[in-house]
C-alpha atoms as a PDB file:
ATOM      1  CA  MET A   1      98.582 132.011 120.689  1.00  0.00           C
ATOM      2  CA  ASP A   2      95.001 131.457 119.501  1.00  0.00           C
ATOM      3  CA  ASN A   3      94.868 128.157 117.601  1.00  0.00           C
ATOM      4  CA  SER A   4      91.161 128.224 116.761  1.00  0.00           C
ATOM      5  CA  GLN A   5      91.527 129.930 113.360  1.00  0.00           C
ATOM      6  CA  PRO A   6      94.370 127.793 111.977  1.00  0.00           C
ATOM      7  CA  LEU A   7      92.684 124.637 113.285  1.00  0.00           C
ATOM      8  CA  ALA A   8      89.417 125.610 111.631  1.00  0.00           C
ATOM      9  CA  ARG A   9      91.290 126.201 108.387  1.00  0.00           C
ATOM     10  CA  LEU A  10      93.081 122.846 108.613  1.00  0.00           C
ATOM     11  CA  THR A  11      89.956 120.797 109.266  1.00  0.00           C
ATOM     12  CA  GLY A  12      88.099 122.747 106.599  1.00  0.00           C
ATOM     13  CA  GLN A  13      90.786 121.937 104.053  1.00  0.00           C
ATOM     14  CA  ALA A  14      90.673 118.271 105.033  1.00  0.00           C
ATOM     15  CA  ALA A  15      86.898 117.979 104.871  1.00  0.00           C
ATOM     16  CA  GLY A  16      86.693 119.884 101.603  1.00  0.00           C
ATOM     17  CA  GLY A  17      89.250 117.625  99.980  1.00  0.00           C
ATOM     18  CA  PHE A  18      88.340 114.208 101.293  1.00  0.00           C
ATOM     19  CA  LEU A  19      84.586 114.321 100.867  1.00  0.00           C
ATOM     20  CA  THR A  20      85.048 114.538  97.107  1.00  0.00           C
ATOM     21  CA  GLU A  21      87.600 111.714  96.906  1.00  0.00           C
ATOM     22  CA  GLU A  22      86.493 108.385  95.451  1.00  0.00           C
ATOM     23  CA  ASN A  23      88.948 106.055  97.121  1.00  0.00           C
ATOM     24  CA  ALA A  24      91.225 105.702 100.099  1.00  0.00           C
ATOM     25  CA  SER A  25      94.483 106.151  98.181  1.00  0.00           C
ATOM     26  CA  LYS A  26      93.395 109.489  96.753  1.00  0.00           C
ATOM     27  CA  ALA A  27      92.129 110.593 100.159  1.00  0.00           C
ATOM     28  CA  ALA A  28      95.445 109.669 101.783  1.00  0.00           C
ATOM     29  CA  GLN A  29      97.289 111.566  99.053  1.00  0.00           C
ATOM     30  CA  SER A  30      95.181 114.667  99.679  1.00  0.00           C
ATOM     31  CA  LEU A  31      95.836 114.447 103.395  1.00  0.00           C
ATOM     32  CA  SER A  32      99.596 114.255 102.791  1.00  0.00           C
ATOM     33  CA  TYR A  33      99.671 117.626 101.052  1.00  0.00           C
ATOM     34  CA  VAL A  34      97.475 119.222 103.715  1.00  0.00           C
ATOM     35  CA  LEU A  35      99.890 117.952 106.370  1.00  0.00           C
ATOM     36  CA  ARG A  36     103.013 119.197 104.606  1.00  0.00           C
ATOM     37  CA  ASP A  37     101.534 122.653 104.075  1.00  0.00           C
ATOM     38  CA  SER A  38     100.047 122.935 107.564  1.00  0.00           C
ATOM     39  CA  ILE A  39     102.702 121.736 110.014  1.00  0.00           C
ATOM     40  CA  PRO A  40     105.495 124.295 110.500  1.00  0.00           C
ATOM     41  CA  SER A  41     108.936 123.122 109.281  1.00  0.00           C
ATOM     42  CA  ALA A  42     107.535 120.024 107.539  1.00  0.00           C
ATOM     43  CA  ALA A  43     109.242 119.396 104.200  1.00  0.00           C
ATOM     44  CA  GLY A  44     107.292 116.240 103.403  1.00  0.00           C
ATOM     45  CA  ALA A  45     104.366 114.226 104.716  1.00  0.00           C
ATOM     46  CA  GLY A  46     102.570 110.930 104.332  1.00  0.00           C
ATOM     47  CA  ALA A  47      99.398 109.142 105.370  1.00  0.00           C
ATOM     48  CA  SER A  48      98.783 105.412 105.623  1.00  0.00           C
ATOM     49  CA  ILE A  49      95.711 103.253 106.135  1.00  0.00           C
ATOM     50  CA  ILE A  50      96.848 100.199 108.104  1.00  0.00           C
ATOM     51  CA  ASN A  51      94.928  96.959 108.607  1.00  0.00           C
ATOM     52  CA  ALA A  52      94.601  94.911 111.788  1.00  0.00           C
ATOM     53  CA  ARG A  53      97.774  92.926 110.966  1.00  0.00           C
ATOM     54  CA  GLY A  54      99.871  96.085 110.781  1.00  0.00           C
ATOM     55  CA  ARG A  55     100.107  96.025 106.992  1.00  0.00           C
ATOM     56  CA  ARG A  56      99.589  99.103 104.872  1.00  0.00           C
ATOM     57  CA  GLU A  57      96.472  99.019 102.697  1.00  0.00           C
ATOM     58  CA  SER A  58      96.601 102.467 101.116  1.00  0.00           C
ATOM     59  CA  ALA A  59      99.019 105.332 101.354  1.00  0.00           C
ATOM     60  CA  GLY A  60      99.751 108.819 100.144  1.00  0.00           C
ATOM     61  CA  ALA A  61     103.028 110.750 100.147  1.00  0.00           C
ATOM     62  CA  THR A  62     104.141 114.185  99.014  1.00  0.00           C
ATOM     63  CA  ASP A  63     107.383 113.026  97.379  1.00  0.00           C
ATOM     64  CA  PRO A  64     109.562 109.955  96.643  1.00  0.00           C
ATOM     65  CA  VAL A  65     111.723 110.497  99.746  1.00  0.00           C
ATOM     66  CA  VAL A  66     108.725 110.233 102.050  1.00  0.00           C
ATOM     67  CA  LEU A  67     107.341 107.286 100.103  1.00  0.00           C
ATOM     68  CA  ARG A  68     110.620 105.360 100.399  1.00  0.00           C
ATOM     69  CA  ALA A  69     111.005 106.092 104.117  1.00  0.00           C
ATOM     70  CA  ASP A  70     107.417 104.967 104.647  1.00  0.00           C
ATOM     71  CA  ARG A  71     107.772 101.775 102.597  1.00  0.00           C
ATOM     72  CA  LEU A  72     110.904 100.805 104.498  1.00  0.00           C
ATOM     73  CA  GLN A  73     108.925 100.796 107.741  1.00  0.00           C
ATOM     74  CA  TYR A  74     106.502  98.188 106.390  1.00  0.00           C
ATOM     75  CA  GLU A  75     109.235  96.127 104.766  1.00  0.00           C
ATOM     76  CA  LEU A  76     111.282  96.053 107.982  1.00  0.00           C
ATOM     77  CA  GLY A  77     108.330  95.902 110.367  1.00  0.00           C
ATOM     78  CA  GLN A  78     109.528  98.842 112.445  1.00  0.00           C
ATOM     79  CA  GLY A  79     109.592 102.624 112.504  1.00  0.00           C
ATOM     80  CA  PRO A  80     107.878 105.656 114.034  1.00  0.00           C
ATOM     81  CA  CYS A  81     104.721 105.392 111.947  1.00  0.00           C
ATOM     82  CA  LEU A  82     104.109 101.757 112.924  1.00  0.00           C
ATOM     83  CA  SER A  83     104.869 102.568 116.566  1.00  0.00           C
ATOM     84  CA  ALA A  84     102.426 105.488 116.538  1.00  0.00           C
ATOM     85  CA  TRP A  85      99.746 103.173 115.124  1.00  0.00           C
ATOM     86  CA  ALA A  86     100.511 100.291 117.512  1.00  0.00           C
ATOM     87  CA  GLU A  87     100.986 102.383 120.677  1.00  0.00           C
ATOM     88  CA  GLN A  88      98.270 104.914 119.825  1.00  0.00           C
ATOM     89  CA  ARG A  89     100.358 107.938 120.689  1.00  0.00           C
ATOM     90  CA  ALA A  90     102.455 110.622 119.047  1.00  0.00           C
ATOM     91  CA  ILE A  91     106.020 109.642 118.197  1.00  0.00           C
ATOM     92  CA  ILE A  92     108.769 112.241 117.674  1.00  0.00           C
ATOM     93  CA  ILE A  93     112.298 111.732 116.391  1.00  0.00           C
ATOM     94  CA  GLN A  94     114.294 114.851 117.103  1.00  0.00           C
ATOM     95  CA  ASP A  95     117.338 113.690 115.130  1.00  0.00           C
ATOM     96  CA  THR A  96     117.611 110.443 113.176  1.00  0.00           C
ATOM     97  CA  ARG A  97     121.415 110.530 113.569  1.00  0.00           C
ATOM     98  CA  GLN A  98     121.023 110.290 117.337  1.00  0.00           C
ATOM     99  CA  GLU A  99     118.003 107.961 117.392  1.00  0.00           C
ATOM    100  CA  THR A 100     118.458 104.479 118.926  1.00  0.00           C
ATOM    101  CA  ARG A 101     114.911 103.119 118.461  1.00  0.00           C
ATOM    102  CA  TRP A 102     114.085 101.145 115.296  1.00  0.00           C
ATOM    103  CA  PRO A 103     117.759 100.456 114.418  1.00  0.00           C
ATOM    104  CA  LYS A 104     117.015  98.667 111.138  1.00  0.00           C
ATOM    105  CA  TRP A 105     114.828 101.472 109.842  1.00  0.00           C
ATOM    106  CA  ILE A 106     117.245 104.170 110.995  1.00  0.00           C
ATOM    107  CA  ALA A 107     120.094 102.422 109.163  1.00  0.00           C
ATOM    108  CA  ALA A 108     117.970 102.011 106.036  1.00  0.00           C
ATOM    109  CA  ILE A 109     117.134 105.727 105.784  1.00  0.00           C
ATOM    110  CA  ALA A 110     120.665 106.945 106.544  1.00  0.00           C
ATOM    111  CA  ASP A 111     121.130 108.155 102.962  1.00  0.00           C
ATOM    112  CA  LEU A 112     117.803 110.030 102.861  1.00  0.00           C
ATOM    113  CA  PRO A 113     117.458 113.734 103.753  1.00  0.00           C
ATOM    114  CA  LEU A 114     115.402 113.026 106.870  1.00  0.00           C
ATOM    115  CA  ARG A 115     116.440 114.247 110.300  1.00  0.00           C
ATOM    116  CA  SER A 116     113.189 115.000 112.177  1.00  0.00           C
ATOM    117  CA  VAL A 117     110.026 112.896 112.181  1.00  0.00           C
ATOM    118  CA  LEU A 118     106.604 113.323 113.787  1.00  0.00           C
ATOM    119  CA  SER A 119     103.939 110.618 113.498  1.00  0.00           C
ATOM    120  CA  VAL A 120     100.522 110.241 115.124  1.00  0.00           C
ATOM    121  CA  PRO A 121      97.808 107.557 114.881  1.00  0.00           C
ATOM    122  CA  LEU A 122      94.513 107.881 113.024  1.00  0.00           C
ATOM    123  CA  THR A 123      91.789 106.552 115.307  1.00  0.00           C
ATOM    124  CA  THR A 124      88.006 106.942 115.252  1.00  0.00           C
ATOM    125  CA  GLU A 125      85.450 105.302 117.552  1.00  0.00           C
ATOM    126  CA  GLY A 126      88.123 102.959 118.854  1.00  0.00           C
ATOM    127  CA  ARG A 127      89.101 101.803 115.363  1.00  0.00           C
ATOM    128  CA  ARG A 128      92.752 102.076 114.365  1.00  0.00           C
ATOM    129  CA  ILE A 129      92.570 103.457 110.840  1.00  0.00           C
ATOM    130  CA  GLY A 130      96.263 104.161 110.266  1.00  0.00           C
ATOM    131  CA  ALA A 131      98.843 106.861 110.897  1.00  0.00           C
ATOM    132  CA  ILE A 132     100.087 110.175 109.505  1.00  0.00           C
ATOM    133  CA  LYS A 133     103.591 111.593 109.582  1.00  0.00           C
ATOM    134  CA  VAL A 134     105.657 114.629 108.668  1.00  0.00           C
ATOM    135  CA  TYR A 135     109.390 114.813 107.975  1.00  0.00           C
ATOM    136  CA  SER A 136     112.081 117.471 107.854  1.00  0.00           C
ATOM    137  CA  PRO A 137     115.693 117.424 106.625  1.00  0.00           C
ATOM    138  CA  SER A 138     116.649 119.493 109.694  1.00  0.00           C
ATOM    139  CA  PRO A 139     116.935 118.218 113.276  1.00  0.00           C
ATOM    140  CA  LEU A 140     114.941 119.470 116.278  1.00  0.00           C
ATOM    141  CA  VAL A 141     112.113 121.080 114.321  1.00  0.00           C
ATOM    142  CA  PHE A 142     109.008 119.427 115.816  1.00  0.00           C
ATOM    143  CA  ASP A 143     107.714 120.321 119.283  1.00  0.00           C
ATOM    144  CA  ASP A 144     104.578 120.159 121.435  1.00  0.00           C
ATOM    145  CA  HIS A 145     102.854 122.719 119.236  1.00  0.00           C
ATOM    146  CA  SER A 146     103.538 120.538 116.192  1.00  0.00           C
ATOM    147  CA  VAL A 147     101.969 117.585 118.019  1.00  0.00           C
ATOM    148  CA  PHE A 148      98.966 119.723 118.963  1.00  0.00           C
ATOM    149  CA  LEU A 149      98.371 120.774 115.348  1.00  0.00           C
ATOM    150  CA  ILE A 150      98.795 117.343 113.766  1.00  0.00           C
ATOM    151  CA  GLU A 151      96.601 115.640 116.376  1.00  0.00           C
ATOM    152  CA  ARG A 152      93.812 118.152 115.756  1.00  0.00           C
ATOM    153  CA  LEU A 153      94.015 117.367 112.059  1.00  0.00           C
ATOM    154  CA  ALA A 154      94.200 113.617 112.717  1.00  0.00           C
ATOM    155  CA  ASN A 155      90.741 113.496 114.321  1.00  0.00           C
ATOM    156  CA  PRO A 156      88.638 114.559 111.292  1.00  0.00           C
ATOM    157  CA  ALA A 157      91.071 112.822 108.935  1.00  0.00           C
ATOM    158  CA  ALA A 158      90.514 109.494 110.718  1.00  0.00           C
ATOM    159  CA  VAL A 159      86.740 109.832 110.392  1.00  0.00           C
ATOM    160  CA  LEU A 160      86.919 110.737 106.725  1.00  0.00           C
ATOM    161  CA  LEU A 161      89.486 108.079 105.779  1.00  0.00           C
ATOM    162  CA  GLY A 162      87.524 105.514 107.790  1.00  0.00           C
ATOM    163  CA  ASN A 163      84.367 106.384 105.865  1.00  0.00           C
ATOM    164  CA  VAL A 164      86.160 106.093 102.531  1.00  0.00           C
ATOM    165  CA  ARG A 165      87.636 102.727 103.526  1.00  0.00           C
ATOM    166  CA  ASP A 166      84.237 101.456 104.690  1.00  0.00           C
ATOM    167  CA  ARG A 167      82.644 102.547 101.430  1.00  0.00           C
ATOM    168  CA  GLU A 168      85.307 100.731  99.430  1.00  0.00           C
ATOM    169  CA  ALA A 169      84.882  97.613 101.569  1.00  0.00           C
ATOM    170  CA  THR A 170      81.118  97.699 100.977  1.00  0.00           C
ATOM    171  CA  GLN A 171      81.642  98.047  97.229  1.00  0.00           C
ATOM    172  CA  ARG A 172      84.095  95.122  97.192  1.00  0.00           C
ATOM    173  CA  LEU A 173      81.671  92.983  99.187  1.00  0.00           C
ATOM    174  CA  GLY A 174      78.874  93.834  96.767  1.00  0.00           C
ATOM    175  CA  LEU A 175      81.010  92.791  93.801  1.00  0.00           C
ATOM    176  CA  GLN A 176      82.009  89.564  95.535  1.00  0.00           C
ATOM    177  CA  LEU A 177      78.407  88.732  96.400  1.00  0.00           C
ATOM    178  CA  GLY A 178      77.296  89.511  92.866  1.00  0.00           C
ATOM    179  CA  GLU A 179      79.993  87.248  91.460  1.00  0.00           C
ATOM    180  CA  ALA A 180      79.108  84.480  93.906  1.00  0.00           C
ATOM    181  CA  LEU A 181      75.422  84.669  92.945  1.00  0.00           C
ATOM    182  CA  ALA A 182      76.313  84.619  89.247  1.00  0.00           C
ATOM    183  CA  ASN A 183      78.529  81.579  89.762  1.00  0.00           C
ATOM    184  CA  ARG A 184      75.827  79.828  91.756  1.00  0.00           C
ATOM    185  CA  ASP A 185      73.287  80.414  88.995  1.00  0.00           C
ATOM    186  CA  MET A 186      75.770  79.222  86.354  1.00  0.00           C
ATOM    187  CA  ILE A 187      76.461  76.009  88.306  1.00  0.00           C
ATOM    188  CA  SER A 188      72.740  75.373  88.825  1.00  0.00           C
ATOM    189  CA  GLN A 189      72.058  75.885  85.124  1.00  0.00           C
ATOM    190  CA  ALA A 190      74.845  73.485  84.184  1.00  0.00           C
ATOM    191  CA  GLN A 191      73.490  70.922  86.634  1.00  0.00           C
ATOM    192  CA  GLY A 192      70.107  71.152  84.979  1.00  0.00           C
ATOM    193  CA  ILE A 193      71.635  70.558  81.561  1.00  0.00           C
ATOM    194  CA  LEU A 194      73.496  67.448  82.753  1.00  0.00           C
ATOM    195  CA  ILE A 195      70.389  66.126  84.527  1.00  0.00           C
ATOM    196  CA  GLU A 196      68.410  66.398  81.298  1.00  0.00           C
ATOM    197  CA  ARG A 197      71.149  65.122  78.987  1.00  0.00           C
ATOM    198  CA  MET A 198      72.506  62.278  81.096  1.00  0.00           C
ATOM    199  CA  HIS A 199      69.393  61.447  83.097  1.00  0.00           C
ATOM    200  CA  LEU A 200      71.240  62.043  86.352  1.00  0.00           C
ATOM    201  CA  GLY A 201      70.159  63.136  89.782  1.00  0.00           C
ATOM    202  CA  SER A 202      71.165  66.559  91.095  1.00  0.00           C
ATOM    203  CA  ARG A 203      74.030  65.220  93.230  1.00  0.00           C
ATOM    204  CA  ALA A 204      75.346  62.974  90.441  1.00  0.00           C
ATOM    205  CA  ALA A 205      75.344  65.911  88.004  1.00  0.00           C
ATOM    206  CA  LEU A 206      77.363  67.983  90.479  1.00  0.00           C
ATOM    207  CA  ASP A 207      79.801  65.078  90.949  1.00  0.00           C
ATOM    208  CA  VAL A 208      80.365  64.981  87.174  1.00  0.00           C
ATOM    209  CA  MET A 209      81.256  68.671  87.160  1.00  0.00           C
ATOM    210  CA  LEU A 210      83.516  68.302  90.199  1.00  0.00           C
ATOM    211  CA  ALA A 211      85.352  65.430  88.522  1.00  0.00           C
ATOM    212  CA  SER A 212      85.847  67.550  85.385  1.00  0.00           C
ATOM    213  CA  SER A 213      87.082  70.411  87.532  1.00  0.00           C
ATOM    214  CA  ARG A 214      89.744  68.185  89.114  1.00  0.00           C
ATOM    215  CA  GLU A 215      90.795  66.550  85.851  1.00  0.00           C
ATOM    216  CA  GLU A 216      91.017  69.797  83.866  1.00  0.00           C
ATOM    217  CA  GLY A 217      92.416  71.878  86.708  1.00  0.00           C
ATOM    218  CA  LYS A 218      89.677  74.483  86.288  1.00  0.00           C
ATOM    219  CA  PRO A 219      87.423  76.187  88.857  1.00  0.00           C
ATOM    220  CA  LEU A 220      83.949  74.670  89.091  1.00  0.00           C
ATOM    221  CA  GLN A 221      82.309  77.803  87.693  1.00  0.00           C
ATOM    222  CA  GLU A 222      84.465  77.594  84.559  1.00  0.00           C
ATOM    223  CA  VAL A 223      83.415  73.973  83.988  1.00  0.00           C
ATOM    224  CA  ALA A 224      79.798  75.016  84.451  1.00  0.00           C
ATOM    225  CA  ARG A 225      80.224  77.935  82.046  1.00  0.00           C
ATOM    226  CA  GLY A 226      81.633  75.567  79.421  1.00  0.00           C
ATOM    227  CA  ILE A 227      78.585  73.307  79.729  1.00  0.00           C
ATOM    228  CA  VAL A 228      76.166  76.213  79.444  1.00  0.00           C
ATOM    229  CA  ASN A 229      78.033  77.794  76.531  1.00  0.00           C
ATOM    230  CA  GLY A 230      78.216  74.397  74.816  1.00  0.00           C
ATOM    231  CA  LEU A 231      74.436  74.137  74.938  1.00  0.00           C
ATOM    232  CA  ALA A 232      74.088  77.640  73.530  1.00  0.00           C
ATOM    233  CA  ASP A 233      76.540  76.895  70.708  1.00  0.00           C
ATOM    234  CA  GLY A 234      74.785  73.679  69.954  1.00  0.00           C
END
């Protein structure tokens, strides 16, 4: 069987969807639907971005059943998705009723319509981005061809999700730096006011604000803002 055409279609769908997404959660959600519709016999799918401590940062799922099964893995600290991410290899469960790995997770999903599971890691340039998975309510539905298809989709997905995550991290850092600079300027301005009003040195003025911060139980920047606003009101 020639896989070039379906693989081109899968990666094209992924790229077309993810490049327009604004954040990692939306990108993961888009990937989930592509997975469900692309892997034969999959009834549901999910995608997770996982940090270095093995905790999920963002996730997408096609339905509540998949979302619950996925959440249980992170709550219990075990399951095929976490193993795929940690071991960097494809994980297949042929039948959850016969599975002996991850006993806590298997017991927790016993009431869910999940019998077969396939999960693979998302990795790009040596970075472990997360993992993707597909589920079926029937046993023995995923095989080597399923692994082949999902791994081919995982490669571009990892790059795209990694780029989205990096962009979000850069935006968060920019906001944090901007806030830090604003706080620094506010504190410096308040110091200047106290120096002029109380005829203090720079260190003594800062000590006054620190003492107020401790006594009032407020962050230093809030004390400084009160001093600056007080001058403006006056």
